[in-house]
Amino acid sequence: MEKISEEQNLEKIWFEEAKEQTIETLPMFINHIMNDYDHDYGTICHALSACALAAAWAANNHEQGGITGFQAGFVMWDFIKKWMYEDNKTALRIVNYDNMLYPQYEDKFDKVISNGVFESIQKAAQDSLDEVKQGREVHPDVIKHWESIVAGNVPFGYRIKEG
């Protein structure tokens, strides 16, 4: 077992190899990454990412695979929600700051949310207030914030996106 560190940047190789995996080669790929190296705190994270990507590529390289970019976006959000945000009650957002390099993307950095997102935030705030009534202990400033949201005030300088 080879002791490795993040400075070696082995993940660059793993991520490229992940794209080539098939259902048949996937077990060997995962076995190699997980058993041929002595991982540290950082490399194990890259290893897990490479294994997850390899599994997605293997499935997509299958005869039933070949998903579109739209479908890939769904897979990404599905993974993100199930891996890190299963308890998310409202919405999630990824910001690509590379878009700041192009003036036509100015609107992507406007502080706007859809009405549907705000409604889900209001519902979550109301649910949290209901929990306070049931005995949940929360700082008074947080309670005021939730009450403001339920009353229709969009927080943090955001506004509702029109249309």
Protein backbone atom coordinates (compact mmCIF):
# COMPACT_ATOMS: atom_id res chain seq x y z
CA MET A 1 0.00 0.00 0.00
CA GLU A 2 1.50 3.30 -1.11
CA LYS A 3 1.36 6.25 1.30
CA ILE A 4 0.16 9.28 -0.67
CA SER A 5 -0.50 12.96 -0.05
CA GLU A 6 -2.57 15.65 -1.74
CA GLU A 7 0.61 17.26 -3.11
CA GLN A 8 0.89 14.34 -5.54
CA ASN A 9 -2.39 15.35 -7.19
CA LEU A 10 -3.25 11.74 -8.03
CA GLU A 11 -6.90 12.72 -8.24
CA LYS A 12 -6.19 14.30 -11.65
CA ILE A 13 -5.37 10.84 -12.97
CA TRP A 14 -8.24 9.20 -11.09
CA PHE A 15 -10.78 11.68 -12.45
CA GLU A 16 -9.62 11.08 -16.02
CA GLU A 17 -9.65 7.30 -15.54
CA ALA A 18 -13.13 7.55 -13.98
CA LYS A 19 -14.56 8.70 -17.32
CA GLU A 20 -13.46 5.45 -18.98
CA GLN A 21 -15.07 3.06 -16.50
CA THR A 22 -17.66 0.48 -17.44
CA ILE A 23 -19.84 -1.76 -15.33
CA GLU A 24 -17.18 -4.44 -15.79
CA THR A 25 -14.13 -2.31 -14.90
CA LEU A 26 -15.69 -0.34 -12.05
CA PRO A 27 -14.96 -2.83 -9.23
CA MET A 28 -11.27 -2.96 -10.18
CA PHE A 29 -11.08 0.83 -10.35
CA ILE A 30 -12.64 1.25 -6.90
CA ASN A 31 -10.50 -1.56 -5.47
CA HIS A 32 -7.36 0.10 -6.85
CA ILE A 33 -8.16 3.54 -5.45
CA MET A 34 -9.31 2.28 -2.06
CA ASN A 35 -6.80 -0.52 -1.44
CA ASP A 36 -3.58 0.41 -3.24
CA TYR A 37 -3.09 3.67 -1.36
CA ASP A 38 -2.75 4.70 2.26
CA HIS A 39 -5.02 7.75 2.22
CA ASP A 40 -4.74 10.85 4.37
CA TYR A 41 -7.47 13.28 5.41
CA GLY A 42 -7.53 14.95 1.99
CA THR A 43 -6.77 12.12 -0.42
CA ILE A 44 -9.63 9.99 0.87
CA CYS A 45 -12.01 12.78 -0.18
CA HIS A 46 -10.58 12.79 -3.71
CA ALA A 47 -10.75 8.98 -3.72
CA LEU A 48 -14.44 8.97 -2.82
CA SER A 49 -15.16 11.60 -5.47
CA ALA A 50 -13.31 9.58 -8.08
CA CYS A 51 -15.22 6.42 -7.12
CA ALA A 52 -18.56 8.24 -7.28
CA LEU A 53 -17.69 9.75 -10.65
CA ALA A 54 -16.48 6.39 -11.93
CA ALA A 55 -19.79 4.79 -10.94
CA ALA A 56 -21.73 7.52 -12.74
CA TRP A 57 -19.54 7.20 -15.84
CA ALA A 58 -19.79 3.40 -15.78
CA ALA A 59 -23.57 3.61 -15.69
CA ASN A 60 -23.59 6.27 -18.40
CA ASN A 61 -21.19 4.21 -20.55
CA HIS A 62 -23.62 1.28 -20.31
CA GLU A 63 -25.87 0.59 -23.30
CA GLN A 64 -28.77 2.16 -21.38
CA GLY A 65 -26.71 5.24 -20.54
CA GLY A 66 -25.89 8.18 -22.75
CA ILE A 67 -27.84 10.77 -20.81
CA THR A 68 -28.24 14.36 -21.98
CA GLY A 69 -26.75 17.42 -20.29
CA PHE A 70 -30.17 18.17 -18.83
CA GLN A 71 -30.36 14.70 -17.32
CA ALA A 72 -26.78 15.03 -16.02
CA GLY A 73 -27.86 18.19 -14.21
CA PHE A 74 -30.65 16.23 -12.54
CA VAL A 75 -28.18 13.50 -11.51
CA MET A 76 -25.85 16.14 -10.03
CA TRP A 77 -28.62 17.75 -7.97
CA ASP A 78 -29.97 14.36 -6.92
CA PHE A 79 -26.51 13.38 -5.68
CA ILE A 80 -25.90 16.69 -3.91
CA LYS A 81 -29.25 16.52 -2.14
CA LYS A 82 -28.88 12.88 -1.09
CA TRP A 83 -25.22 13.16 -0.05
CA MET A 84 -25.22 16.44 1.89
CA TYR A 85 -28.63 18.09 2.06
CA GLU A 86 -31.29 15.45 2.71
CA ASP A 87 -32.89 17.72 5.28
CA ASN A 88 -33.04 20.77 2.99
CA LYS A 89 -36.57 22.16 3.14
CA THR A 90 -36.36 25.01 0.65
CA ALA A 91 -33.92 25.10 -2.27
CA LEU A 92 -30.26 24.95 -3.20
CA ARG A 93 -28.19 27.01 -5.60
CA ILE A 94 -24.74 26.74 -7.17
CA VAL A 95 -23.07 29.91 -8.35
CA ASN A 96 -20.52 29.75 -11.15
CA TYR A 97 -18.35 32.77 -10.45
CA ASP A 98 -16.59 32.30 -13.80
CA ASN A 99 -19.68 33.97 -15.22
CA MET A 100 -18.51 37.21 -13.60
CA LEU A 101 -15.98 37.39 -16.41
CA TYR A 102 -18.78 38.08 -18.92
CA PRO A 103 -21.06 41.13 -18.81
CA GLN A 104 -24.02 39.27 -20.31
CA TYR A 105 -24.32 37.22 -17.09
CA GLU A 106 -24.84 40.17 -14.74
CA ASP A 107 -28.38 38.99 -13.97
CA LYS A 108 -27.00 35.74 -12.52
CA PHE A 109 -25.63 37.76 -9.60
CA ASP A 110 -28.78 39.73 -8.88
CA LYS A 111 -30.19 39.05 -5.41
CA VAL A 112 -33.42 37.48 -6.60
CA ILE A 113 -35.31 34.30 -5.79
CA SER A 114 -38.40 32.85 -7.36
CA ASN A 115 -41.77 33.14 -5.69
CA GLY A 116 -41.79 29.34 -5.27
CA VAL A 117 -38.48 29.42 -3.40
CA PHE A 118 -39.71 32.21 -1.15
CA GLU A 119 -42.91 30.31 -0.43
CA SER A 120 -40.87 27.27 0.59
CA ILE A 121 -38.72 29.50 2.84
CA GLN A 122 -41.88 30.91 4.41
CA LYS A 123 -43.24 27.42 5.00
CA ALA A 124 -39.95 26.32 6.61
CA ALA A 125 -39.99 29.45 8.81
CA GLN A 126 -43.58 28.74 9.86
CA ASP A 127 -42.74 25.11 10.60
CA SER A 128 -39.82 26.29 12.74
CA LEU A 129 -42.08 28.73 14.61
CA ASP A 130 -44.52 25.88 15.23
CA GLU A 131 -41.65 23.89 16.75
CA VAL A 132 -40.91 26.83 19.06
CA LYS A 133 -44.52 26.66 20.26
CA GLN A 134 -43.90 22.98 21.01
CA GLY A 135 -40.90 23.85 23.20
CA ARG A 136 -37.96 24.11 20.82
CA GLU A 137 -35.47 26.60 22.24
CA VAL A 138 -34.29 29.21 19.75
CA HIS A 139 -32.59 32.58 20.15
CA PRO A 140 -35.13 35.46 20.13
CA ASP A 141 -33.38 37.12 17.14
CA VAL A 142 -33.92 33.95 15.11
CA ILE A 143 -37.60 33.87 16.10
CA LYS A 144 -37.99 37.52 14.98
CA HIS A 145 -36.30 36.66 11.69
CA TRP A 146 -38.66 33.73 11.10
CA GLU A 147 -41.67 35.86 11.98
CA SER A 148 -40.54 38.51 9.51
CA ILE A 149 -40.23 35.92 6.75
CA VAL A 150 -43.68 34.49 7.49
CA ALA A 151 -45.04 38.05 7.38
CA GLY A 152 -43.79 38.33 3.78
CA ASN A 153 -40.44 40.08 4.20
CA VAL A 154 -37.80 38.61 1.91
CA PRO A 155 -34.55 38.45 3.92
CA PHE A 156 -31.04 39.72 3.27
CA GLY A 157 -31.85 42.23 0.56
CA TYR A 158 -33.25 39.63 -1.81
CA ARG A 159 -36.35 40.29 -3.86
CA ILE A 160 -38.85 38.11 -5.64
CA LYS A 161 -38.05 37.50 -9.30
CA GLU A 162 -40.79 38.87 -11.50
CA GLY A 163 -42.02 36.66 -14.33
